Amino acid sequence: MNHINKEGAIANSPEISQNWVVKSKEERINLVQEELNNYKEYNDFVVTEAEANGQITLLIERSISASIRGTMLLDLEQVLKNSIDKGITVWLVPVGDKSKLRNLRGIQIKPEK
């Protein structure tokens, strides 16, 4: 059985390569989007940001349950680390409250300022 150990918990995250950093934002977005297009399960994923620090922000254009989404994103991050750059991290665009019941009652959840 594989357990988290102290060495793994305190290890530094992989750093982004200079090859990634020197690319323009558009080039980085296109590179990641092309890689996503190679996989059927990521066809509904759109790259919205690709920062020089390796943070990739995605928008998912379909509903995926939370129990599946987490594992799917971890798998995707590993694919991108293996194919593009080991320092990449994947983030999702925050989505507002989609509850039809709360919206019907006029309840709105406002973000903190």
Protein backbone atom coordinates (compact mmCIF):
# COMPACT_ATOMS: atom_id res chain seq x y z
CA MET A 1 0.00 0.00 0.00
CA ASN A 2 1.27 3.47 -0.92
CA HIS A 3 1.17 5.95 1.98
CA ILE A 4 2.11 9.59 2.16
CA ASN A 5 5.37 9.99 3.99
CA LYS A 6 7.11 12.99 5.54
CA GLU A 7 9.63 13.27 2.70
CA GLY A 8 6.86 13.51 0.14
CA ALA A 9 4.94 16.03 2.20
CA ILE A 10 7.86 18.45 2.55
CA ALA A 11 9.35 17.97 -0.94
CA ASN A 12 9.45 20.98 -3.23
CA SER A 13 7.01 21.02 -6.12
CA PRO A 14 8.54 20.51 -9.55
CA GLU A 15 9.66 23.79 -11.08
CA ILE A 16 8.49 25.00 -14.44
CA SER A 17 11.09 24.82 -17.22
CA GLN A 18 12.53 27.82 -19.03
CA ASN A 19 11.10 26.38 -22.26
CA TRP A 20 7.58 26.99 -20.85
CA VAL A 21 8.39 30.41 -19.41
CA VAL A 22 9.72 31.89 -22.67
CA LYS A 23 6.56 31.00 -24.62
CA SER A 24 3.88 33.65 -25.02
CA LYS A 25 0.61 33.22 -23.16
CA GLU A 26 -1.13 32.41 -26.44
CA GLU A 27 1.47 29.77 -27.31
CA ARG A 28 1.08 28.14 -23.89
CA ILE A 29 -2.73 28.12 -24.18
CA ASN A 30 -2.57 26.60 -27.68
CA LEU A 31 -0.04 23.98 -26.58
CA VAL A 32 -2.23 22.81 -23.70
CA GLN A 33 -5.44 22.95 -25.75
CA GLU A 34 -3.85 20.83 -28.49
CA GLU A 35 -2.86 18.24 -25.90
CA LEU A 36 -6.40 18.21 -24.46
CA ASN A 37 -7.80 17.68 -27.96
CA ASN A 38 -5.86 14.40 -28.18
CA TYR A 39 -8.12 12.86 -25.52
CA LYS A 40 -11.85 12.25 -25.95
CA GLU A 41 -12.55 12.65 -22.21
CA TYR A 42 -11.17 16.22 -22.27
CA ASN A 43 -13.04 17.46 -25.37
CA ASP A 44 -15.24 19.73 -23.25
CA PHE A 45 -12.28 21.35 -21.47
CA VAL A 46 -11.25 24.84 -22.55
CA VAL A 47 -7.98 26.46 -21.50
CA THR A 48 -8.71 29.99 -20.26
CA GLU A 49 -5.28 30.82 -18.80
CA ALA A 50 -1.76 29.42 -19.05
CA GLU A 51 0.53 31.43 -16.81
CA ALA A 52 4.32 31.53 -16.94
CA ASN A 53 4.39 30.02 -13.42
CA GLY A 54 2.79 26.82 -14.79
CA GLN A 55 -0.75 27.39 -13.55
CA ILE A 56 -3.29 26.25 -16.15
CA THR A 57 -6.89 27.38 -15.66
CA LEU A 58 -9.62 25.33 -17.33
CA LEU A 59 -13.32 25.75 -17.94
CA ILE A 60 -15.35 22.56 -18.22
CA GLU A 61 -18.30 22.96 -20.58
CA ARG A 62 -20.28 20.03 -19.22
CA SER A 63 -21.40 18.90 -15.82
CA ILE A 64 -19.14 16.35 -14.12
CA SER A 65 -19.92 15.03 -10.65
CA ALA A 66 -17.46 16.05 -7.94
CA SER A 67 -16.55 12.42 -7.23
CA ILE A 68 -15.36 11.93 -10.82
CA ARG A 69 -14.05 15.44 -11.46
CA GLY A 70 -11.30 15.34 -8.82
CA THR A 71 -9.71 12.15 -10.12
CA MET A 72 -10.15 13.28 -13.71
CA LEU A 73 -8.30 16.54 -13.03
CA LEU A 74 -5.46 14.76 -11.24
CA ASP A 75 -5.13 12.39 -14.20
CA LEU A 76 -5.18 15.34 -16.60
CA GLU A 77 -2.52 17.17 -14.61
CA GLN A 78 -0.29 14.11 -14.81
CA VAL A 79 -0.83 13.88 -18.58
CA LEU A 80 0.18 17.53 -18.97
CA LYS A 81 3.20 17.11 -16.69
CA ASN A 82 4.38 14.12 -18.74
CA SER A 83 3.73 15.62 -22.17
CA ILE A 84 4.40 19.35 -21.76
CA ASP A 85 6.16 20.36 -18.53
CA LYS A 86 6.61 18.76 -15.12
CA GLY A 87 5.85 22.04 -13.30
CA ILE A 88 2.28 22.44 -14.59
CA THR A 89 -0.61 22.65 -12.13
CA VAL A 90 -4.29 22.53 -13.12
CA TRP A 91 -7.01 24.82 -11.74
CA LEU A 92 -10.68 25.24 -12.60
CA VAL A 93 -12.56 28.47 -13.31
CA PRO A 94 -14.83 29.06 -10.28
CA VAL A 95 -18.48 28.49 -11.13
CA GLY A 96 -21.39 30.24 -9.45
CA ASP A 97 -24.22 28.56 -7.56
CA LYS A 98 -26.34 26.53 -10.01
CA SER A 99 -29.07 25.50 -7.54
CA LYS A 100 -32.42 26.18 -9.20
CA LEU A 101 -34.21 26.04 -5.85
CA ARG A 102 -32.05 28.71 -4.22
CA ASN A 103 -32.32 30.86 -7.34
CA LEU A 104 -36.15 30.55 -7.31
CA ARG A 105 -36.29 31.73 -3.69
CA GLY A 106 -34.17 34.74 -4.56
CA ILE A 107 -31.26 33.66 -2.38
CA GLN A 108 -27.95 34.88 -3.68
CA ILE A 109 -24.54 33.99 -2.29
CA LYS A 110 -22.17 36.92 -2.66
CA PRO A 111 -18.41 36.48 -2.60
CA GLU A 112 -16.50 38.09 0.26
CA LYS A 113 -14.76 41.36 -0.50
